[in-house]
Protein backbone atom coordinates (compact mmCIF):
# COMPACT_ATOMS: atom_id res chain seq x y z
CA MET A 1 15.41 4.00 50.26
CA LYS A 2 12.46 1.67 49.69
CA ILE A 3 10.11 1.69 52.68
CA LEU A 4 7.21 -0.67 53.26
CA SER A 5 4.49 -1.14 55.85
CA TYR A 6 3.50 -4.58 57.06
CA ARG A 7 1.85 -6.67 59.76
CA PHE A 8 4.02 -9.14 61.67
CA GLU A 9 2.67 -11.34 64.45
CA GLY A 10 -0.42 -9.16 64.67
CA GLN A 11 1.44 -5.86 64.93
CA ILE A 12 1.57 -3.13 62.27
CA SER A 13 5.09 -1.94 61.56
CA PHE A 14 7.25 -0.39 58.86
CA GLY A 15 10.86 -0.29 57.75
CA PRO A 16 13.33 -0.15 54.87
CA LYS A 17 13.83 -3.06 52.52
CA VAL A 18 17.01 -5.00 53.26
CA LYS A 19 19.33 -4.45 50.32
CA LYS A 20 19.64 -7.47 48.01
CA GLU A 21 17.28 -9.51 50.21
CA GLU A 22 13.56 -10.30 50.22
CA ALA A 23 13.22 -8.91 53.72
CA VAL A 24 12.53 -5.75 55.70
CA TRP A 25 14.37 -4.30 58.68
CA ASP A 26 12.14 -4.18 61.78
CA VAL A 27 13.25 -0.72 62.84
CA LEU A 28 10.93 -0.60 65.84
CA ALA A 29 12.48 -3.81 67.19
CA ILE A 30 15.98 -2.49 66.48
CA GLN A 31 15.34 0.71 68.39
CA ASP A 32 13.62 -1.12 71.25
CA THR A 33 16.48 -3.61 71.65
CA LEU A 34 19.57 -1.59 70.81
CA GLN A 35 18.42 1.92 71.82
CA VAL A 36 20.37 3.48 68.95
CA LEU A 37 18.48 6.80 68.92
CA PRO A 38 17.23 9.15 71.67
CA SER A 39 13.74 8.72 70.21
CA PHE A 40 12.10 7.27 67.11
CA PRO A 41 8.60 7.57 65.54
CA THR A 42 6.21 4.71 66.20
CA THR A 43 4.07 5.23 63.08
CA ILE A 44 5.09 5.82 59.49
CA VAL A 45 3.05 9.02 59.16
CA GLU A 46 4.78 10.44 62.24
CA GLY A 47 8.10 9.57 60.65
CA ILE A 48 7.19 11.02 57.25
CA ALA A 49 6.54 14.36 58.97
CA ASN A 50 10.26 14.40 59.84
CA GLY A 51 11.19 14.26 56.16
CA MET A 52 14.66 13.08 55.21
CA ASP A 53 15.70 13.06 58.88
CA PHE A 54 13.42 10.03 59.22
CA VAL A 55 15.27 8.33 56.37
CA GLU A 56 18.62 9.02 58.06
CA GLN A 57 17.28 7.61 61.34
CA MET A 58 16.30 4.36 59.61
CA ARG A 59 19.71 4.15 57.95
CA LYS A 60 21.36 4.39 61.37
CA LEU A 61 19.08 1.71 62.80
CA ALA A 62 19.69 -0.66 59.88
CA GLU A 63 23.45 -0.10 60.14
CA ALA A 64 23.40 -0.82 63.89
CA ALA A 65 21.39 -4.00 63.33
CA SER A 66 23.72 -5.23 60.58
CA LYS A 67 26.69 -4.78 62.92
CA SER A 68 25.01 -6.47 65.88
CA GLU A 69 25.81 -10.00 67.02
CA GLU A 70 22.64 -11.42 65.49
CA PRO A 71 21.34 -9.27 62.59
CA THR A 72 18.77 -11.85 61.51
CA GLN A 73 16.67 -11.24 64.63
CA PHE A 74 15.82 -7.82 63.21
CA LYS A 75 14.91 -8.99 59.70
CA ARG A 76 11.39 -9.99 58.67
CA THR A 77 11.31 -12.05 55.49
CA PHE A 78 8.67 -11.12 52.94
CA SER A 79 7.19 -14.59 53.28
CA SER A 80 6.56 -14.03 56.99
CA ILE A 81 4.74 -10.68 56.78
CA GLU A 82 1.41 -9.39 55.56
CA TRP A 83 2.01 -6.49 53.19
CA LEU A 84 0.10 -3.29 53.84
CA SER A 85 -0.18 -0.10 51.85
CA PRO A 86 2.98 1.97 52.52
CA ILE A 87 0.63 4.44 54.22
CA PRO A 88 -2.04 2.18 55.76
CA ARG A 89 -4.27 5.19 56.47
CA THR A 90 -3.82 8.83 55.49
CA PRO A 91 -4.54 11.26 58.34
CA LYS A 92 -6.36 13.58 55.96
CA ASN A 93 -6.43 13.62 52.16
CA ILE A 94 -6.04 11.48 49.08
CA PHE A 95 -6.10 14.02 46.25
CA GLY A 96 -6.88 12.78 42.76
CA VAL A 97 -6.08 14.67 39.57
CA GLY A 98 -8.49 14.24 36.70
CA ARG A 99 -7.43 14.23 33.03
CA ASN A 100 -3.81 15.19 33.63
CA TYR A 101 -2.62 13.50 30.42
CA ALA A 102 -3.85 14.91 27.10
CA ASP A 103 -4.36 11.49 25.48
CA HIS A 104 -6.42 10.31 28.47
CA ALA A 105 -8.51 13.50 28.39
CA LYS A 106 -9.22 12.79 24.71
CA GLU A 107 -10.26 9.17 25.31
CA MET A 108 -12.64 10.44 28.01
CA GLY A 109 -14.36 12.69 25.49
CA LEU A 110 -12.47 15.99 25.64
CA GLU A 111 -11.19 17.26 22.30
CA VAL A 112 -9.05 19.94 23.94
CA ALA A 113 -6.78 19.31 26.94
CA PRO A 114 -7.98 20.96 30.18
CA GLU A 115 -6.60 24.42 30.92
CA ASN A 116 -7.50 24.24 34.59
CA LEU A 117 -6.66 21.68 37.24
CA MET A 118 -9.36 19.09 38.02
CA ILE A 119 -9.10 17.87 41.62
CA PHE A 120 -11.20 15.32 43.51
CA THR A 121 -10.70 13.30 46.68
CA LYS A 122 -10.98 9.65 47.62
CA SER A 123 -11.95 8.40 51.06
CA PRO A 124 -9.04 7.12 53.21
CA THR A 125 -11.06 3.90 53.58
CA THR A 126 -10.26 3.12 49.92
CA ILE A 127 -6.61 2.34 50.71
CA ALA A 128 -5.55 -1.24 49.99
CA ALA A 129 -2.26 -3.11 49.69
CA ASP A 130 -0.12 -4.67 47.01
CA GLU A 131 -1.18 -8.29 46.30
CA GLU A 132 -4.48 -7.76 48.14
CA THR A 133 -7.52 -9.36 46.51
CA LEU A 134 -10.13 -6.69 45.83
CA SER A 135 -13.81 -6.62 44.89
CA VAL A 136 -15.16 -5.42 41.53
CA HIS A 137 -18.30 -4.40 43.45
CA SER A 138 -20.60 -6.03 40.93
CA ASN A 139 -23.54 -5.42 43.27
CA VAL A 140 -23.33 -1.63 42.71
CA THR A 141 -21.41 -1.09 39.46
CA SER A 142 -21.04 -2.67 36.02
CA SER A 143 -18.15 -0.44 34.93
CA PHE A 144 -15.32 -0.77 37.44
CA ASP A 145 -12.21 0.68 35.80
CA TYR A 146 -8.45 0.85 36.48
CA GLU A 147 -6.11 3.87 36.35
CA GLY A 148 -2.37 3.35 36.85
CA GLU A 149 -0.73 6.38 38.46
CA LEU A 150 2.36 7.81 40.10
CA ALA A 151 1.47 8.88 43.65
CA VAL A 152 3.27 11.61 45.61
CA VAL A 153 3.61 11.34 49.40
CA ILE A 154 3.68 14.69 51.20
CA SER A 155 6.01 15.16 54.17
CA LYS A 156 5.72 18.83 55.08
CA LYS A 157 2.75 21.03 55.91
CA GLY A 158 2.28 23.74 53.34
CA ASP A 159 0.07 26.62 52.21
CA ASN A 160 0.72 28.58 49.03
CA VAL A 161 3.83 26.55 48.25
CA PRO A 162 5.82 28.16 45.38
CA LYS A 163 6.67 25.83 42.49
CA LYS A 164 10.38 26.25 43.16
CA LEU A 165 9.90 24.94 46.72
CA ALA A 166 7.47 22.12 45.90
CA TYR A 167 10.03 19.32 46.18
CA ASP A 168 10.81 20.39 49.74
CA HIS A 169 7.32 19.14 50.64
CA ILE A 170 7.72 15.69 49.08
CA PHE A 171 8.77 12.63 51.06
CA GLY A 172 8.69 10.15 48.22
CA TYR A 173 6.66 8.31 45.62
CA THR A 174 4.58 5.17 45.32
CA ILE A 175 2.22 3.52 42.80
CA ALA A 176 -1.55 3.78 42.95
CA ASN A 177 -4.52 2.33 41.09
CA ASP A 178 -7.28 4.95 41.09
CA LEU A 179 -10.10 2.45 40.67
CA THR A 180 -13.33 4.05 39.50
CA ALA A 181 -16.97 3.03 39.09
CA ARG A 182 -17.66 4.93 35.87
CA ASP A 183 -21.44 4.56 36.06
CA LEU A 184 -21.57 5.92 39.62
CA GLN A 185 -19.23 8.72 38.64
CA SER A 186 -21.67 9.72 35.88
CA LYS A 187 -24.85 9.10 37.89
CA HIS A 188 -23.87 11.31 40.81
CA GLN A 189 -22.33 14.07 38.65
CA GLN A 190 -19.22 14.19 40.82
CA PHE A 191 -16.27 11.91 41.50
CA PHE A 192 -16.24 11.11 45.21
CA LEU A 193 -18.71 8.22 45.44
CA GLY A 194 -17.61 6.54 42.21
CA LYS A 195 -14.00 6.68 43.34
CA SER A 196 -14.48 5.74 47.00
CA LEU A 197 -15.73 2.15 46.96
CA LYS A 198 -13.90 -0.03 49.46
CA GLY A 199 -10.43 -1.01 48.27
CA SER A 200 -10.48 1.38 45.32
CA CYS A 201 -7.07 2.90 46.05
CA PRO A 202 -4.46 0.15 46.32
CA MET A 203 -0.98 1.60 46.77
CA GLY A 204 2.49 0.13 46.98
CA PRO A 205 4.48 -1.91 47.16
CA TYR A 206 6.93 0.69 48.52
CA ILE A 207 7.44 4.36 49.10
CA VAL A 208 10.66 5.25 47.30
CA THR A 209 12.23 8.31 48.91
CA LYS A 210 12.71 11.39 46.76
CA ASP A 211 16.50 11.22 46.86
CA GLU A 212 16.30 8.02 44.77
CA LEU A 213 13.86 9.53 42.23
CA PRO A 214 15.08 13.09 41.75
CA ASP A 215 12.94 13.73 38.66
CA PRO A 216 9.32 12.54 38.88
CA GLN A 217 8.74 13.69 35.28
CA SER A 218 11.09 11.04 33.88
CA LEU A 219 9.25 7.81 34.73
CA SER A 220 7.44 5.25 32.58
CA ILE A 221 4.01 3.95 33.66
CA VAL A 222 2.79 0.60 32.36
CA THR A 223 -0.53 -1.10 33.21
CA LYS A 224 -1.37 -4.67 32.27
CA VAL A 225 -4.65 -6.50 32.76
CA ASN A 226 -4.21 -10.27 32.68
CA ASP A 227 -0.81 -9.61 31.05
CA GLU A 228 -2.44 -7.59 28.23
CA LEU A 229 -0.77 -4.20 27.83
CA ARG A 230 -3.38 -1.48 28.40
CA GLN A 231 -1.45 1.65 29.42
CA ASN A 232 2.04 2.57 28.24
CA GLY A 233 2.65 6.13 29.38
CA HIS A 234 5.29 8.47 30.72
CA THR A 235 5.17 11.13 33.44
CA ARG A 236 6.79 13.70 31.13
CA ASP A 237 3.39 13.85 29.40
CA MET A 238 1.56 15.24 32.44
CA ILE A 239 -0.28 18.46 31.66
CA PHE A 240 0.41 19.71 35.18
CA SER A 241 3.77 18.59 36.60
CA VAL A 242 4.24 17.36 40.17
CA GLU A 243 5.57 20.75 41.28
CA GLU A 244 2.64 22.51 39.60
CA LEU A 245 0.17 20.19 41.32
CA ILE A 246 1.67 20.93 44.73
CA ALA A 247 1.70 24.67 44.10
CA GLN A 248 -1.88 24.83 42.80
CA ILE A 249 -3.43 22.51 45.40
CA SER A 250 -1.66 24.22 48.32
CA ALA A 251 -2.86 27.61 47.10
CA LEU A 252 -6.36 26.55 48.18
CA VAL A 253 -5.97 23.61 50.58
CA THR A 254 -3.38 23.07 53.32
CA LEU A 255 -1.14 20.10 52.55
CA GLU A 256 -0.27 17.95 55.55
CA PRO A 257 2.22 15.13 56.23
CA GLY A 258 0.85 11.83 54.99
CA ASP A 259 -1.34 13.40 52.30
CA VAL A 260 -1.15 11.58 48.97
CA ILE A 261 -1.53 13.13 45.53
CA LEU A 262 -2.50 10.78 42.69
CA THR A 263 -1.03 12.56 39.69
CA GLY A 264 -3.35 11.33 36.94
CA THR A 265 -3.38 8.43 34.52
CA PRO A 266 -2.20 7.99 30.92
CA SER A 267 -4.50 6.81 28.13
CA GLY A 268 -5.58 3.18 27.93
CA VAL A 269 -8.18 2.93 30.70
CA GLY A 270 -11.01 0.48 30.22
CA LYS A 271 -13.54 3.14 29.30
CA GLY A 272 -11.30 4.33 26.47
CA PHE A 273 -11.77 1.13 24.44
CA ASN A 274 -14.61 0.44 22.00
CA PRO A 275 -16.28 -1.55 23.40
CA PRO A 276 -15.07 -0.69 26.94
CA LYS A 277 -12.87 -3.17 28.79
CA PHE A 278 -13.99 -2.88 32.40
CA LEU A 279 -12.71 -5.14 35.17
CA ALA A 280 -14.35 -8.48 35.95
CA ALA A 281 -13.97 -11.10 38.63
CA GLY A 282 -10.80 -13.10 38.04
CA ASP A 283 -8.85 -10.22 36.47
CA THR A 284 -5.38 -9.24 37.67
CA VAL A 285 -4.06 -5.70 37.25
CA LYS A 286 -0.35 -4.95 37.37
CA ILE A 287 0.93 -1.37 37.35
CA SER A 288 4.66 -0.72 37.01
CA VAL A 289 6.33 2.64 37.54
CA GLU A 290 9.99 3.02 36.70
CA GLY A 291 12.19 3.14 39.79
CA ILE A 292 9.46 1.98 42.18
CA GLY A 293 8.32 -1.51 41.19
CA THR A 294 4.99 -3.18 40.42
CA LEU A 295 1.64 -2.93 42.19
CA SER A 296 -0.44 -6.05 41.62
CA ASN A 297 -4.02 -6.85 42.60
CA ARG A 298 -6.44 -9.65 41.75
CA PHE A 299 -10.17 -8.97 41.59
CA GLU A 300 -13.12 -11.07 42.59
């Protein structure tokens, strides 16, 4: 199932994409009108905490709406909504993974791939949406860079999660651009400030539930800047797999529903070129991940 968040007539909502249509089912309106279920979550994070039961609930609501006398009253066309990030605000953490692809580690100056996991966080205020116009923050940085990534959405609280049980804690996957001010990252000798400028974590356009992407290590990642191919990677090349990331992070930090893990970026970031190719006003970045879609943002 492809799930999106959106604003319609001033109200934030969510729902599954209508199959073969450029529209979304308004599941809150369906439940309110048809009373299909005894109860239903009112926010997407609340729903994600219910795991695949939440997906089944939305399937039942969409089926009831399609069989109703007037199905169109429960559909919101893409042209009538404002797209939001699939998770408009995480309740707790956006975890980033540094140098999780050997080629990217090399282009960032490491001759040998990291043996240990490198984790940082981004502020929840960095979250932005697909097709949202974002700032290059030229007033504070001259080296704003892109990083196309597969993002994992956590559905189940977990401490010390064994690798073999990691997928039980996943709700689904989306696309993220881990935008980074390289000069601030270097100046402050840590990652948080350089990776937490406003709008520096666009995500979307959808969350694709894990049943539709059973193997997160089998996906291509392509990033284009102004239609120029910059990154052409594959998740099989991660140093630490998705299940390893969940196991290692949860060994030290409690994972909670709505947490997002950015799994690292392949080679081809702006800093990796000679001379570097950082973002400028007027640029458009498009990141495509197999099975999910394309995240697109213009910069000013």
